[in-house]
N, C-alpha and C. Protein backbone atom coordinates (compact mmCIF):
# COMPACT_ATOMS: atom_id res chain seq x y z
N MET A 1 0.82 -1.16 -0.01
CA MET A 1 0.00 0.05 0.02
C MET A 1 0.88 1.22 0.01
N PRO A 2 0.59 2.21 -0.89
CA PRO A 2 1.35 3.36 -0.94
C PRO A 2 1.24 4.20 0.31
N ASP A 3 2.38 4.96 0.60
CA ASP A 3 2.28 5.83 1.84
C ASP A 3 1.22 6.86 1.65
N ALA A 4 0.47 7.01 2.59
CA ALA A 4 -0.60 7.99 2.53
C ALA A 4 -0.17 9.22 3.33
N GLU A 5 -0.71 10.35 2.87
CA GLU A 5 -0.35 11.57 3.61
C GLU A 5 -0.98 11.53 4.98
N PRO A 6 -0.27 12.12 6.01
CA PRO A 6 -0.83 12.03 7.36
C PRO A 6 -2.03 12.94 7.39
N THR A 7 -2.95 12.53 8.17
CA THR A 7 -4.17 13.31 8.40
C THR A 7 -3.96 14.32 9.43
N ALA A 8 -4.89 15.23 9.74
CA ALA A 8 -4.77 16.24 10.71
C ALA A 8 -4.53 15.64 12.08
N ASP A 9 -5.14 14.46 12.31
CA ASP A 9 -5.01 13.82 13.58
C ASP A 9 -3.60 13.23 13.83
N GLU A 10 -2.91 12.90 12.64
CA GLU A 10 -1.64 12.22 12.72
C GLU A 10 -0.48 13.27 12.52
N ALA A 11 -0.74 14.58 12.31
CA ALA A 11 0.33 15.50 12.03
C ALA A 11 1.23 15.72 13.20
N PRO A 12 2.58 15.95 13.01
CA PRO A 12 3.52 16.09 14.15
C PRO A 12 3.12 17.34 14.97
N ASP A 13 3.58 17.30 16.23
CA ASP A 13 3.22 18.38 17.19
C ASP A 13 4.25 19.53 17.12
N ARG A 14 4.81 19.92 16.00
CA ARG A 14 5.73 20.95 15.89
C ARG A 14 4.97 22.31 15.77
N VAL A 15 5.46 23.31 16.54
CA VAL A 15 4.85 24.66 16.44
C VAL A 15 5.53 25.40 15.39
N PHE A 16 6.85 25.32 15.33
CA PHE A 16 7.62 26.09 14.29
C PHE A 16 8.35 25.05 13.38
N THR A 17 8.34 25.42 12.10
CA THR A 17 9.13 24.60 11.17
C THR A 17 10.52 25.27 11.08
N GLY A 18 11.39 24.55 10.36
CA GLY A 18 12.76 25.10 10.13
C GLY A 18 12.72 26.41 9.35
N TYR A 19 11.76 26.52 8.49
CA TYR A 19 11.64 27.74 7.72
C TYR A 19 11.15 28.92 8.56
N GLY A 20 10.33 28.62 9.52
CA GLY A 20 9.81 29.65 10.46
C GLY A 20 10.90 30.12 11.34
N VAL A 21 11.73 29.22 11.89
CA VAL A 21 12.85 29.59 12.74
C VAL A 21 13.81 30.46 11.96
N GLY A 22 14.11 29.95 10.72
CA GLY A 22 15.09 30.70 9.89
C GLY A 22 14.57 32.10 9.57
N SER A 23 13.28 32.28 9.29
CA SER A 23 12.70 33.55 9.01
C SER A 23 12.75 34.50 10.21
N ALA A 24 12.52 33.93 11.39
CA ALA A 24 12.62 34.77 12.68
C ALA A 24 14.03 35.21 12.87
N VAL A 25 15.00 34.36 12.66
CA VAL A 25 16.40 34.74 12.85
C VAL A 25 16.80 35.81 11.84
N LEU A 26 16.42 35.66 10.62
CA LEU A 26 16.72 36.66 9.57
C LEU A 26 16.01 38.02 9.90
N GLY A 27 14.82 37.93 10.42
CA GLY A 27 14.10 39.19 10.83
C GLY A 27 14.90 39.89 11.91
N VAL A 28 15.36 39.18 12.94
CA VAL A 28 16.17 39.77 14.01
C VAL A 28 17.42 40.36 13.48
N VAL A 29 18.15 39.62 12.59
CA VAL A 29 19.37 40.11 11.99
C VAL A 29 19.07 41.46 11.24
N ALA A 30 18.00 41.42 10.45
CA ALA A 30 17.65 42.57 9.67
C ALA A 30 17.36 43.85 10.57
N VAL A 31 16.65 43.66 11.60
CA VAL A 31 16.35 44.76 12.57
C VAL A 31 17.61 45.26 13.20
N ALA A 32 18.52 44.27 13.58
CA ALA A 32 19.83 44.69 14.18
C ALA A 32 20.70 45.45 13.16
N ALA A 33 20.64 45.05 11.92
CA ALA A 33 21.38 45.78 10.91
C ALA A 33 20.83 47.18 10.64
N VAL A 34 19.51 47.33 10.69
CA VAL A 34 18.91 48.68 10.56
C VAL A 34 19.31 49.57 11.75
N VAL A 35 19.22 49.05 12.96
CA VAL A 35 19.61 49.79 14.14
C VAL A 35 21.08 50.18 14.08
N LEU A 36 21.93 49.25 13.74
CA LEU A 36 23.37 49.56 13.64
C LEU A 36 23.62 50.65 12.57
N GLY A 37 22.93 50.54 11.44
CA GLY A 37 23.10 51.56 10.37
C GLY A 37 22.65 52.94 10.83
N VAL A 38 21.56 52.99 11.56
CA VAL A 38 21.09 54.28 12.11
C VAL A 38 22.13 54.81 13.13
N LEU A 39 22.72 53.98 13.99
CA LEU A 39 23.71 54.47 14.93
C LEU A 39 24.93 54.95 14.28
N ILE A 40 25.40 54.25 13.25
CA ILE A 40 26.59 54.67 12.50
C ILE A 40 26.31 56.03 11.79
N TRP A 41 25.15 56.16 11.12
CA TRP A 41 24.79 57.36 10.44
C TRP A 41 24.73 58.55 11.38
N THR A 42 24.10 58.33 12.55
CA THR A 42 23.97 59.38 13.56
C THR A 42 25.32 59.84 14.10
N GLY A 43 26.20 58.84 14.32
CA GLY A 43 27.52 59.19 14.81
C GLY A 43 28.35 59.92 13.75
N HIS A 44 28.22 59.46 12.50
CA HIS A 44 28.87 60.22 11.42
C HIS A 44 28.39 61.67 11.24
N ARG A 45 27.09 61.78 11.35
CA ARG A 45 26.53 63.11 11.20
C ARG A 45 26.92 64.06 12.32
N ASP A 46 26.91 63.52 13.56
CA ASP A 46 27.38 64.29 14.66
C ASP A 46 28.87 64.67 14.57
N ALA A 47 29.69 63.79 14.15
CA ALA A 47 31.14 64.08 13.88
C ALA A 47 31.29 65.11 12.81
N THR A 48 30.53 64.97 11.76
CA THR A 48 30.65 65.98 10.66
C THR A 48 30.14 67.38 11.12
N ASP A 49 29.11 67.45 11.94
CA ASP A 49 28.64 68.71 12.46
C ASP A 49 29.70 69.29 13.37
N GLU A 50 30.33 68.48 14.28
CA GLU A 50 31.34 68.99 15.11
C GLU A 50 32.56 69.55 14.34
N ARG A 51 32.96 68.84 13.32
CA ARG A 51 34.11 69.33 12.53
C ARG A 51 33.78 70.68 11.83
N ALA A 52 32.53 70.78 11.35
CA ALA A 52 32.16 72.05 10.76
C ALA A 52 32.12 73.14 11.78
N TYR A 53 31.65 72.91 12.95
CA TYR A 53 31.65 73.91 14.05
C TYR A 53 33.07 74.27 14.40
N GLN A 54 33.95 73.31 14.51
CA GLN A 54 35.33 73.57 14.86
C GLN A 54 35.99 74.49 13.78
N SER A 55 35.66 74.22 12.56
CA SER A 55 36.19 75.07 11.47
C SER A 55 35.76 76.47 11.63
N LYS A 56 34.47 76.70 11.97
CA LYS A 56 33.94 78.06 12.21
C LYS A 56 34.70 78.73 13.33
N VAL A 57 34.94 77.98 14.44
CA VAL A 57 35.66 78.49 15.59
C VAL A 57 37.10 78.93 15.23
N MET A 58 37.74 78.08 14.46
CA MET A 58 39.13 78.45 14.05
C MET A 58 39.15 79.65 13.13
N SER A 59 38.14 79.74 12.28
CA SER A 59 38.02 80.87 11.35
C SER A 59 37.77 82.21 12.14
N ALA A 60 36.97 82.10 13.15
CA ALA A 60 36.67 83.25 14.01
C ALA A 60 37.97 83.75 14.68
N ALA A 61 38.72 82.78 15.25
CA ALA A 61 39.97 83.05 15.90
C ALA A 61 41.00 83.68 14.97
N ALA A 62 41.05 83.17 13.72
CA ALA A 62 42.01 83.66 12.81
C ALA A 62 41.63 85.11 12.34
N ASP A 63 40.34 85.30 12.11
CA ASP A 63 39.87 86.69 11.74
C ASP A 63 40.24 87.68 12.80
N TRP A 64 39.95 87.38 14.10
CA TRP A 64 40.19 88.33 15.18
C TRP A 64 41.70 88.62 15.33
N THR A 65 42.51 87.52 15.22
CA THR A 65 43.94 87.63 15.28
C THR A 65 44.51 88.48 14.12
N GLY A 66 43.93 88.26 12.98
CA GLY A 66 44.35 89.03 11.78
C GLY A 66 44.23 90.53 12.00
N VAL A 67 43.20 90.97 12.67
CA VAL A 67 43.05 92.39 12.93
C VAL A 67 44.10 92.83 13.97
N LEU A 68 44.35 91.96 14.96
CA LEU A 68 45.33 92.32 16.02
C LEU A 68 46.75 92.41 15.40
N ILE A 69 47.17 91.52 14.61
CA ILE A 69 48.56 91.55 14.13
C ILE A 69 48.77 92.51 12.95
N ASN A 70 47.73 93.02 12.40
CA ASN A 70 47.86 94.00 11.29
C ASN A 70 47.52 95.41 11.76
N MET A 71 47.54 95.67 13.08
CA MET A 71 47.25 96.93 13.60
C MET A 71 48.36 97.91 13.30
N ASN A 72 48.05 99.07 12.70
CA ASN A 72 49.05 100.07 12.40
C ASN A 72 48.71 101.39 13.10
N VAL A 73 49.68 102.31 13.05
CA VAL A 73 49.38 103.57 13.71
C VAL A 73 48.19 104.32 13.05
N ASP A 74 47.97 104.08 11.74
CA ASP A 74 46.90 104.67 11.03
C ASP A 74 45.51 104.13 11.37
N ASN A 75 45.51 102.81 11.71
CA ASN A 75 44.21 102.24 11.93
C ASN A 75 44.03 101.63 13.34
N VAL A 76 44.83 102.13 14.31
CA VAL A 76 44.87 101.56 15.63
C VAL A 76 43.47 101.75 16.33
N ASP A 77 42.83 102.89 16.18
CA ASP A 77 41.54 103.14 16.85
C ASP A 77 40.46 102.21 16.27
N THR A 78 40.36 102.17 14.95
CA THR A 78 39.33 101.32 14.33
C THR A 78 39.59 99.82 14.57
N SER A 79 40.91 99.45 14.54
CA SER A 79 41.19 98.02 14.88
C SER A 79 40.82 97.71 16.26
N LEU A 80 41.14 98.60 17.22
CA LEU A 80 40.75 98.32 18.62
C LEU A 80 39.26 98.21 18.84
N ALA A 81 38.51 99.10 18.12
CA ALA A 81 37.05 99.03 18.21
C ALA A 81 36.51 97.70 17.62
N LYS A 82 37.12 97.26 16.50
CA LYS A 82 36.69 95.96 15.97
C LYS A 82 37.10 94.83 16.84
N LEU A 83 38.24 94.83 17.40
CA LEU A 83 38.68 93.79 18.33
C LEU A 83 37.75 93.74 19.58
N HIS A 84 37.40 94.95 20.13
CA HIS A 84 36.56 95.02 21.31
C HIS A 84 35.17 94.50 21.00
N ASP A 85 34.65 94.79 19.85
CA ASP A 85 33.38 94.29 19.45
C ASP A 85 33.25 92.84 19.34
N GLY A 86 34.43 92.19 19.10
CA GLY A 86 34.49 90.72 18.91
C GLY A 86 34.78 89.97 20.19
N THR A 87 34.77 90.65 21.31
CA THR A 87 35.09 89.97 22.59
C THR A 87 33.86 89.84 23.44
N ALA A 88 33.97 88.95 24.39
CA ALA A 88 32.91 88.61 25.36
C ALA A 88 33.47 88.31 26.74
N GLY A 89 32.66 88.40 27.70
CA GLY A 89 33.02 88.03 29.05
C GLY A 89 34.09 88.85 29.73
N GLN A 90 35.05 88.25 30.39
CA GLN A 90 36.08 88.93 31.13
C GLN A 90 37.01 89.72 30.25
N LEU A 91 37.31 89.12 29.07
CA LEU A 91 38.18 89.86 28.12
C LEU A 91 37.53 91.11 27.61
N ASN A 92 36.18 91.13 27.47
CA ASN A 92 35.42 92.32 27.07
C ASN A 92 35.50 93.36 28.18
N SER A 93 35.30 92.89 29.41
CA SER A 93 35.28 93.78 30.58
C SER A 93 36.68 94.41 30.81
N ASP A 94 37.69 93.62 30.69
CA ASP A 94 39.10 94.07 30.92
C ASP A 94 39.85 94.39 29.58
N PHE A 95 39.08 94.74 28.56
CA PHE A 95 39.73 94.84 27.21
C PHE A 95 40.80 95.91 27.21
N GLU A 96 40.62 97.01 27.84
CA GLU A 96 41.64 98.00 27.81
C GLU A 96 42.94 97.62 28.47
N ALA A 97 42.84 96.90 29.54
CA ALA A 97 44.07 96.45 30.22
C ALA A 97 44.71 95.30 29.44
N ALA A 98 43.87 94.48 28.85
CA ALA A 98 44.46 93.31 28.08
C ALA A 98 45.13 93.73 26.79
N ILE A 99 44.62 94.76 26.17
CA ILE A 99 45.12 95.14 24.84
C ILE A 99 46.14 96.30 24.94
N LYS A 100 46.25 96.93 26.12
CA LYS A 100 47.12 98.14 26.28
C LYS A 100 48.55 97.90 25.73
N PRO A 101 49.22 96.73 26.10
CA PRO A 101 50.55 96.60 25.61
C PRO A 101 50.67 96.62 24.06
N TYR A 102 49.68 96.07 23.43
CA TYR A 102 49.74 96.05 21.93
C TYR A 102 49.51 97.48 21.36
N ARG A 103 48.58 98.21 22.01
CA ARG A 103 48.27 99.58 21.55
C ARG A 103 49.50 100.48 21.72
N GLU A 104 50.09 100.37 22.93
CA GLU A 104 51.23 101.26 23.23
C GLU A 104 52.44 101.01 22.30
N VAL A 105 52.69 99.76 21.97
CA VAL A 105 53.80 99.48 21.03
C VAL A 105 53.54 100.07 19.72
N VAL A 106 52.29 99.89 19.15
CA VAL A 106 52.00 100.50 17.84
C VAL A 106 52.13 102.00 17.85
N ARG A 107 51.60 102.65 18.91
CA ARG A 107 51.55 104.12 18.97
C ARG A 107 52.96 104.64 19.24
N THR A 108 53.78 103.95 20.05
CA THR A 108 55.11 104.49 20.39
C THR A 108 56.01 104.32 19.19
N LEU A 109 56.03 103.16 18.57
CA LEU A 109 56.95 102.87 17.46
C LEU A 109 56.44 103.50 16.15
N LYS A 110 55.21 103.89 16.10
CA LYS A 110 54.66 104.41 14.84
C LYS A 110 54.97 103.49 13.70
N ALA A 111 54.70 102.20 13.91
CA ALA A 111 55.15 101.18 13.03
C ALA A 111 54.02 100.92 11.98
N ARG A 112 54.48 100.45 10.81
CA ARG A 112 53.67 99.89 9.77
C ARG A 112 53.80 98.40 9.85
N THR A 113 52.75 97.72 10.15
CA THR A 113 52.84 96.26 10.39
C THR A 113 52.00 95.49 9.36
N THR A 114 52.61 94.45 8.87
CA THR A 114 51.95 93.46 8.01
C THR A 114 52.05 92.10 8.60
N GLY A 115 50.89 91.53 8.91
CA GLY A 115 50.90 90.26 9.56
C GLY A 115 50.29 89.14 8.68
N GLN A 116 50.69 87.89 9.08
CA GLN A 116 50.14 86.74 8.34
C GLN A 116 49.99 85.60 9.34
N ILE A 117 48.76 84.96 9.27
CA ILE A 117 48.47 83.79 10.07
C ILE A 117 49.20 82.55 9.45
N GLU A 118 49.93 81.87 10.28
CA GLU A 118 50.68 80.69 9.73
C GLU A 118 49.92 79.44 10.10
N SER A 119 49.34 79.30 11.24
CA SER A 119 48.56 78.15 11.55
C SER A 119 47.50 78.40 12.65
N VAL A 120 46.44 77.63 12.55
CA VAL A 120 45.39 77.72 13.51
C VAL A 120 45.00 76.29 13.87
N SER A 121 44.95 75.99 15.14
CA SER A 121 44.52 74.59 15.53
C SER A 121 43.59 74.63 16.69
N PHE A 122 42.81 73.58 16.77
CA PHE A 122 41.79 73.42 17.80
C PHE A 122 42.45 72.70 18.95
N GLU A 123 42.38 73.22 20.14
CA GLU A 123 43.06 72.61 21.28
C GLU A 123 42.02 71.84 22.11
N ALA A 124 42.38 70.61 22.47
CA ALA A 124 41.53 69.83 23.36
C ALA A 124 42.39 69.35 24.44
N VAL A 125 42.05 69.72 25.67
CA VAL A 125 42.85 69.36 26.86
C VAL A 125 42.00 68.34 27.67
N HIS A 126 42.61 67.17 27.86
CA HIS A 126 41.87 66.13 28.60
C HIS A 126 42.26 66.16 30.10
N HIS A 127 43.44 66.52 30.40
CA HIS A 127 43.94 66.62 31.77
C HIS A 127 44.80 67.88 31.84
N ASP A 128 44.58 68.63 32.90
CA ASP A 128 45.31 69.87 33.14
C ASP A 128 46.55 69.52 33.91
N LEU A 129 47.71 69.35 33.24
CA LEU A 129 48.93 68.93 33.96
C LEU A 129 49.56 70.09 34.70
N ASN A 130 49.18 71.33 34.43
CA ASN A 130 49.75 72.51 35.08
C ASN A 130 49.05 72.96 36.33
N ALA A 131 47.97 72.25 36.70
CA ALA A 131 47.18 72.64 37.87
C ALA A 131 48.00 72.38 39.13
N GLN A 132 48.00 73.36 40.02
CA GLN A 132 48.73 73.33 41.23
C GLN A 132 47.79 72.85 42.37
N PRO A 133 48.27 71.95 43.24
CA PRO A 133 47.40 71.53 44.36
C PRO A 133 47.01 72.76 45.26
N GLY A 134 45.77 72.77 45.65
CA GLY A 134 45.31 73.77 46.55
C GLY A 134 44.87 75.10 45.82
N GLN A 135 45.10 75.20 44.49
CA GLN A 135 44.75 76.38 43.81
C GLN A 135 43.54 76.08 42.90
N PRO A 136 42.60 76.99 42.77
CA PRO A 136 41.49 76.73 41.92
C PRO A 136 41.97 76.76 40.44
N PRO A 137 41.35 75.99 39.56
CA PRO A 137 41.75 76.00 38.19
C PRO A 137 41.41 77.38 37.56
N ALA A 138 42.16 77.66 36.53
CA ALA A 138 41.95 78.93 35.79
C ALA A 138 40.61 78.86 35.08
N PRO A 139 39.86 79.97 35.05
CA PRO A 139 38.58 79.97 34.35
C PRO A 139 38.78 79.70 32.92
N ALA A 140 38.13 78.69 32.35
CA ALA A 140 38.38 78.31 30.97
C ALA A 140 37.25 78.80 30.07
N SER A 141 36.19 79.21 30.70
CA SER A 141 35.08 79.54 29.79
C SER A 141 34.10 80.54 30.47
N LEU A 142 33.20 81.06 29.67
CA LEU A 142 32.14 81.88 30.21
C LEU A 142 31.13 81.03 30.97
N PRO A 143 30.41 81.60 31.91
CA PRO A 143 29.32 80.85 32.60
C PRO A 143 28.36 80.31 31.58
N PRO A 144 27.74 79.13 31.86
CA PRO A 144 26.77 78.54 30.87
C PRO A 144 25.64 79.47 30.51
N GLU A 145 25.29 80.34 31.40
CA GLU A 145 24.16 81.26 31.09
C GLU A 145 24.54 82.29 30.05
N LEU A 146 25.88 82.52 29.80
CA LEU A 146 26.30 83.47 28.79
C LEU A 146 26.73 82.81 27.54
N ALA A 147 27.30 81.65 27.56
CA ALA A 147 27.82 80.96 26.35
C ALA A 147 27.40 79.49 26.35
N LYS A 148 27.06 79.02 25.18
CA LYS A 148 26.74 77.60 25.03
C LYS A 148 27.96 76.73 25.29
N ARG A 149 29.05 77.19 24.72
CA ARG A 149 30.36 76.51 24.91
C ARG A 149 31.50 77.41 24.59
N THR A 150 32.65 77.08 25.18
CA THR A 150 33.90 77.82 24.89
C THR A 150 34.93 76.83 24.48
N ASP A 151 35.62 77.06 23.40
CA ASP A 151 36.70 76.19 22.88
C ASP A 151 38.02 77.00 22.84
N SER A 152 39.13 76.28 22.99
CA SER A 152 40.42 76.85 22.98
C SER A 152 41.04 76.63 21.61
N VAL A 153 41.62 77.77 21.04
CA VAL A 153 42.21 77.70 19.75
C VAL A 153 43.66 78.26 19.88
N LEU A 154 44.59 77.59 19.23
CA LEU A 154 45.99 78.09 19.22
C LEU A 154 46.24 78.75 17.79
N VAL A 155 46.81 79.94 17.87
CA VAL A 155 47.08 80.69 16.61
C VAL A 155 48.56 81.04 16.58
N VAL A 156 49.20 80.64 15.48
CA VAL A 156 50.66 81.03 15.29
C VAL A 156 50.67 81.99 14.09
N ALA A 157 51.33 83.14 14.29
CA ALA A 157 51.30 84.15 13.22
C ALA A 157 52.66 84.86 13.23
N THR A 158 52.95 85.55 12.16
CA THR A 158 54.13 86.38 12.07
C THR A 158 53.74 87.74 11.53
N SER A 159 54.36 88.78 12.08
CA SER A 159 54.16 90.11 11.54
C SER A 159 55.47 90.80 11.38
N VAL A 160 55.53 91.65 10.34
CA VAL A 160 56.79 92.41 10.09
C VAL A 160 56.39 93.90 10.33
N SER A 161 57.12 94.50 11.27
CA SER A 161 56.95 95.90 11.61
C SER A 161 58.10 96.74 11.04
N GLU A 162 57.65 97.79 10.34
CA GLU A 162 58.64 98.74 9.71
C GLU A 162 58.49 100.03 10.41
N ASN A 163 59.54 100.47 11.11
CA ASN A 163 59.57 101.78 11.85
C ASN A 163 60.24 102.75 10.90
N ALA A 164 59.96 104.04 11.09
CA ALA A 164 60.63 105.06 10.32
C ALA A 164 62.14 105.08 10.59
N GLY A 165 62.93 104.84 9.62
CA GLY A 165 64.39 104.88 9.78
C GLY A 165 65.02 103.58 10.26
N ASN A 166 64.27 102.61 10.67
CA ASN A 166 64.85 101.39 11.21
C ASN A 166 64.59 100.25 10.20
N LYS A 167 65.41 99.16 10.35
CA LYS A 167 65.12 98.02 9.48
C LYS A 167 63.91 97.23 10.04
N PRO A 168 63.23 96.53 9.13
CA PRO A 168 62.02 95.76 9.55
C PRO A 168 62.33 94.77 10.71
N THR A 169 61.37 94.65 11.61
CA THR A 169 61.44 93.75 12.72
C THR A 169 60.37 92.70 12.62
N THR A 170 60.75 91.46 12.75
CA THR A 170 59.80 90.38 12.68
C THR A 170 59.30 90.02 14.09
N VAL A 171 58.01 89.93 14.25
CA VAL A 171 57.42 89.54 15.55
C VAL A 171 56.67 88.22 15.31
N ARG A 172 56.98 87.28 16.23
CA ARG A 172 56.26 85.98 16.18
C ARG A 172 55.14 86.02 17.24
N TRP A 173 53.97 85.59 16.79
CA TRP A 173 52.83 85.56 17.67
C TRP A 173 52.42 84.11 17.94
N ASN A 174 52.33 83.82 19.21
CA ASN A 174 51.81 82.46 19.63
C ASN A 174 50.71 82.74 20.66
N LEU A 175 49.52 82.60 20.20
CA LEU A 175 48.38 82.95 21.08
C LEU A 175 47.46 81.77 21.33
N ARG A 176 46.88 81.76 22.53
CA ARG A 176 45.80 80.85 22.80
C ARG A 176 44.54 81.67 23.03
N LEU A 177 43.49 81.47 22.23
CA LEU A 177 42.34 82.24 22.32
C LEU A 177 41.15 81.32 22.79
N GLY A 178 40.30 81.86 23.66
CA GLY A 178 39.05 81.20 24.05
C GLY A 178 37.96 81.75 23.13
N VAL A 179 37.32 80.88 22.35
CA VAL A 179 36.21 81.29 21.46
C VAL A 179 34.99 80.74 21.97
N SER A 180 34.02 81.67 22.35
CA SER A 180 32.76 81.34 22.99
C SER A 180 31.59 81.53 22.01
N ASP A 181 30.63 80.64 22.09
CA ASP A 181 29.38 80.75 21.39
C ASP A 181 28.41 81.47 22.20
N VAL A 182 28.22 82.80 21.88
CA VAL A 182 27.33 83.61 22.64
C VAL A 182 26.10 83.92 21.73
N ASP A 183 24.98 83.33 22.06
CA ASP A 183 23.78 83.49 21.29
C ASP A 183 23.99 83.26 19.77
N GLY A 184 24.73 82.25 19.48
CA GLY A 184 24.99 81.90 18.05
C GLY A 184 26.12 82.66 17.39
N LYS A 185 26.72 83.59 18.13
CA LYS A 185 27.81 84.38 17.54
C LYS A 185 29.06 83.97 18.24
N LEU A 186 30.17 83.75 17.46
CA LEU A 186 31.43 83.30 17.99
C LEU A 186 32.20 84.55 18.38
N MET A 187 32.61 84.60 19.65
CA MET A 187 33.31 85.78 20.22
C MET A 187 34.53 85.32 21.03
N ILE A 188 35.57 86.13 21.02
CA ILE A 188 36.76 85.81 21.75
C ILE A 188 36.55 86.20 23.22
N SER A 189 36.77 85.17 24.08
CA SER A 189 36.56 85.45 25.51
C SER A 189 37.83 85.33 26.35
N ARG A 190 38.90 84.93 25.66
CA ARG A 190 40.17 84.80 26.44
C ARG A 190 41.32 85.02 25.47
N LEU A 191 42.30 85.75 25.91
CA LEU A 191 43.51 86.04 25.12
C LEU A 191 44.72 85.72 25.99
N GLU A 192 45.57 84.82 25.50
CA GLU A 192 46.76 84.45 26.28
C GLU A 192 47.93 84.30 25.27
N SER A 193 49.01 84.96 25.65
CA SER A 193 50.21 84.89 24.84
C SER A 193 51.05 83.74 25.35
N LEU A 194 51.47 82.89 24.41
CA LEU A 194 52.30 81.71 24.80
C LEU A 194 53.76 81.98 24.44
N ARG A 195 54.63 81.33 25.18
CA ARG A 195 56.09 81.49 24.92
C ARG A 195 56.64 80.25 24.27
């Protein structure tokens, strides 16, 4: 007698077939792949946005420094006004004291200065190795209510000053600037000369 197909009463008691289990596994793998793809895309987009922001910060620092290193006896007042307008926080409050050495040199020497930015870099400090025990850390940024964030930028520049009757003098600039995001506008909040 030929083999007959099993009837409903004789069917095996399996809930899932091999194809059903395989389909479930493939479904889980597909969902995991989609989630991983979304995470990678989000991370990439965030990294791209951060690099674009850092480029804007470095550009703001370079522009501000360009005004500082190209200050001449003819444009000292307009340059100082432009520099002051681009500052925020403590640097803005103490602008006259912070910028006085630069202004006095320009006015005393009556120099014609031509400057050039050589490099601009974004500084990220993970540990402050210069912190002294028992001393509070130096203020690195504006309070959160004034600025969304403050970043540190290093600027290296060279300027050539020509005084009346003297040979040209080359001045090397090594600056650390704090660039703060104040209401969507990038402003200089810290000026430090490095040696």
